[in-house]
Amino acid sequence: MINILTGFFSGIISGMGIGGGAILIPALIIIEGISQQLAQGINLTYFIPTAIISLFVHIKNKNVEFKTARIIGGCGMAGSVLGSLVAVSVRGEILRRMFGIFLLAIGIYEIIKGIRMKKH
């Protein structure tokens, strides 16, 4: 049941364009006790169908600028090759810490952004 709820809430976050991996990866590591690399691989497999569905909805609502998406997508593919090579060559413990620092940085950024928006 916990995996169903994790998948459901990750899907909601993915549909919003935030990235379900922020929920899915920690849940897989903590609840299932799997390695960081395996959790990231499962997240990537999970991402494909959720991204397709989310993309369809966003295209339907005219929320996609294709010129920008092509540029970012091409650079993202190149970055994914580098990121994948790093992920498979770094120990799971270090990779988990890197991911935690990334999530912390995003959280701090969002808090600061929220405070700035309240002031305006």
Protein backbone atom coordinates (compact mmCIF):
# COMPACT_ATOMS: atom_id res chain seq x y z
CA MET A 1 0.00 0.00 0.00
CA ILE A 2 2.84 2.40 0.82
CA ASN A 3 4.31 1.90 -2.67
CA ILE A 4 0.93 2.73 -4.22
CA LEU A 5 0.69 5.96 -2.20
CA THR A 6 4.30 6.85 -2.99
CA GLY A 7 3.67 6.35 -6.71
CA PHE A 8 0.44 8.35 -6.56
CA PHE A 9 1.94 11.37 -4.79
CA SER A 10 5.06 11.23 -6.97
CA GLY A 11 2.73 11.32 -9.98
CA ILE A 12 0.98 14.42 -8.67
CA ILE A 13 4.33 16.16 -8.17
CA SER A 14 5.50 15.01 -11.62
CA GLY A 15 2.35 16.34 -13.24
CA MET A 16 3.02 19.72 -11.68
CA GLY A 17 6.45 19.72 -13.34
CA ILE A 18 8.35 19.63 -10.06
CA GLY A 19 9.80 16.15 -10.36
CA GLY A 20 8.42 13.10 -8.61
CA GLY A 21 11.93 11.85 -7.91
CA ALA A 22 12.07 14.21 -4.95
CA ILE A 23 9.53 11.92 -3.28
CA LEU A 24 10.14 8.64 -5.09
CA ILE A 25 13.91 8.28 -4.60
CA PRO A 26 13.98 8.93 -0.83
CA ALA A 27 10.91 6.70 -0.37
CA LEU A 28 12.53 3.83 -2.25
CA ILE A 29 15.73 4.14 -0.24
CA ILE A 30 14.05 4.53 3.17
CA ILE A 31 11.05 2.21 2.76
CA GLU A 32 12.43 -0.41 0.39
CA GLY A 33 16.04 -0.19 1.59
CA ILE A 34 17.49 -0.24 -1.92
CA SER A 35 20.65 1.46 -3.16
CA GLN A 36 20.74 5.04 -4.42
CA GLN A 37 21.67 3.88 -7.93
CA LEU A 38 18.77 1.40 -8.08
CA ALA A 39 16.34 4.03 -6.76
CA GLN A 40 17.49 6.47 -9.44
CA GLY A 41 17.11 3.82 -12.13
CA ILE A 42 13.57 3.01 -10.97
CA ASN A 43 12.82 6.74 -10.90
CA LEU A 44 13.95 7.10 -14.50
CA THR A 45 11.77 4.18 -15.58
CA TYR A 46 8.84 5.67 -13.64
CA PHE A 47 9.50 9.08 -15.20
CA ILE A 48 8.90 8.02 -18.81
CA PRO A 49 5.14 7.29 -18.69
CA THR A 50 4.39 10.09 -16.20
CA ALA A 51 6.31 12.59 -18.35
CA ILE A 52 4.44 11.51 -21.49
CA ILE A 53 1.06 11.98 -19.81
CA SER A 54 2.06 15.30 -18.24
CA LEU A 55 3.49 16.55 -21.52
CA PHE A 56 0.27 15.68 -23.35
CA VAL A 57 -1.78 17.71 -20.85
CA HIS A 58 0.62 20.68 -20.98
CA ILE A 59 0.65 20.67 -24.80
CA LYS A 60 -3.15 20.54 -24.83
CA ASN A 61 -3.22 23.59 -22.54
CA LYS A 62 -0.62 25.37 -24.72
CA ASN A 63 1.96 25.46 -21.92
CA VAL A 64 4.90 24.29 -24.02
CA GLU A 65 7.21 26.56 -26.03
CA PHE A 66 8.70 24.05 -28.46
CA LYS A 67 11.70 26.15 -29.57
CA THR A 68 12.94 26.51 -26.00
CA ALA A 69 12.04 22.89 -25.19
CA ARG A 70 14.18 21.61 -28.10
CA ILE A 71 17.23 23.56 -26.93
CA ILE A 72 16.83 22.57 -23.28
CA GLY A 73 15.97 18.98 -24.24
CA GLY A 74 19.10 18.59 -26.36
CA CYS A 75 21.32 19.98 -23.63
CA GLY A 76 19.47 17.83 -21.09
CA MET A 77 20.22 14.69 -23.10
CA ALA A 78 23.92 15.56 -23.17
CA GLY A 79 23.84 16.24 -19.43
CA SER A 80 22.05 12.97 -18.77
CA VAL A 81 24.92 11.05 -20.34
CA LEU A 82 27.38 12.78 -18.01
CA GLY A 83 25.06 12.37 -15.00
CA SER A 84 24.57 8.67 -15.71
CA LEU A 85 28.31 8.11 -15.92
CA VAL A 86 28.77 9.89 -12.58
CA ALA A 87 25.91 7.93 -10.96
CA VAL A 88 27.31 4.53 -11.88
CA SER A 89 30.90 5.40 -10.95
CA VAL A 90 30.28 7.04 -7.54
CA ARG A 91 29.67 5.03 -4.36
CA GLY A 92 26.02 4.95 -3.30
CA GLU A 93 26.74 6.74 -0.03
CA ILE A 94 28.34 9.70 -1.80
CA LEU A 95 25.61 9.78 -4.44
CA ARG A 96 22.96 9.80 -1.70
CA ARG A 97 24.67 12.75 -0.03
CA MET A 98 24.92 14.62 -3.33
CA PHE A 99 21.20 14.05 -3.90
CA GLY A 100 20.40 15.20 -0.35
CA ILE A 101 22.42 18.38 -0.80
CA PHE A 102 20.62 19.02 -4.08
CA LEU A 103 17.21 18.61 -2.43
CA LEU A 104 18.27 20.85 0.45
CA ALA A 105 19.47 23.55 -1.97
CA ILE A 106 16.18 23.41 -3.89
CA GLY A 107 14.23 23.64 -0.62
CA ILE A 108 16.22 26.67 0.55
CA TYR A 109 15.75 28.32 -2.84
CA GLU A 110 11.98 27.76 -2.70
CA ILE A 111 11.76 29.19 0.83
CA ILE A 112 13.69 32.32 -0.19
CA LYS A 113 11.57 32.67 -3.32
CA GLY A 114 8.40 32.38 -1.24
CA ILE A 115 9.58 35.03 1.21
CA ARG A 116 10.43 37.41 -1.65
CA MET A 117 7.02 36.87 -3.26
CA LYS A 118 5.25 37.72 0.02
CA LYS A 119 7.14 41.02 0.25
CA HIS A 120 5.92 42.12 -3.21
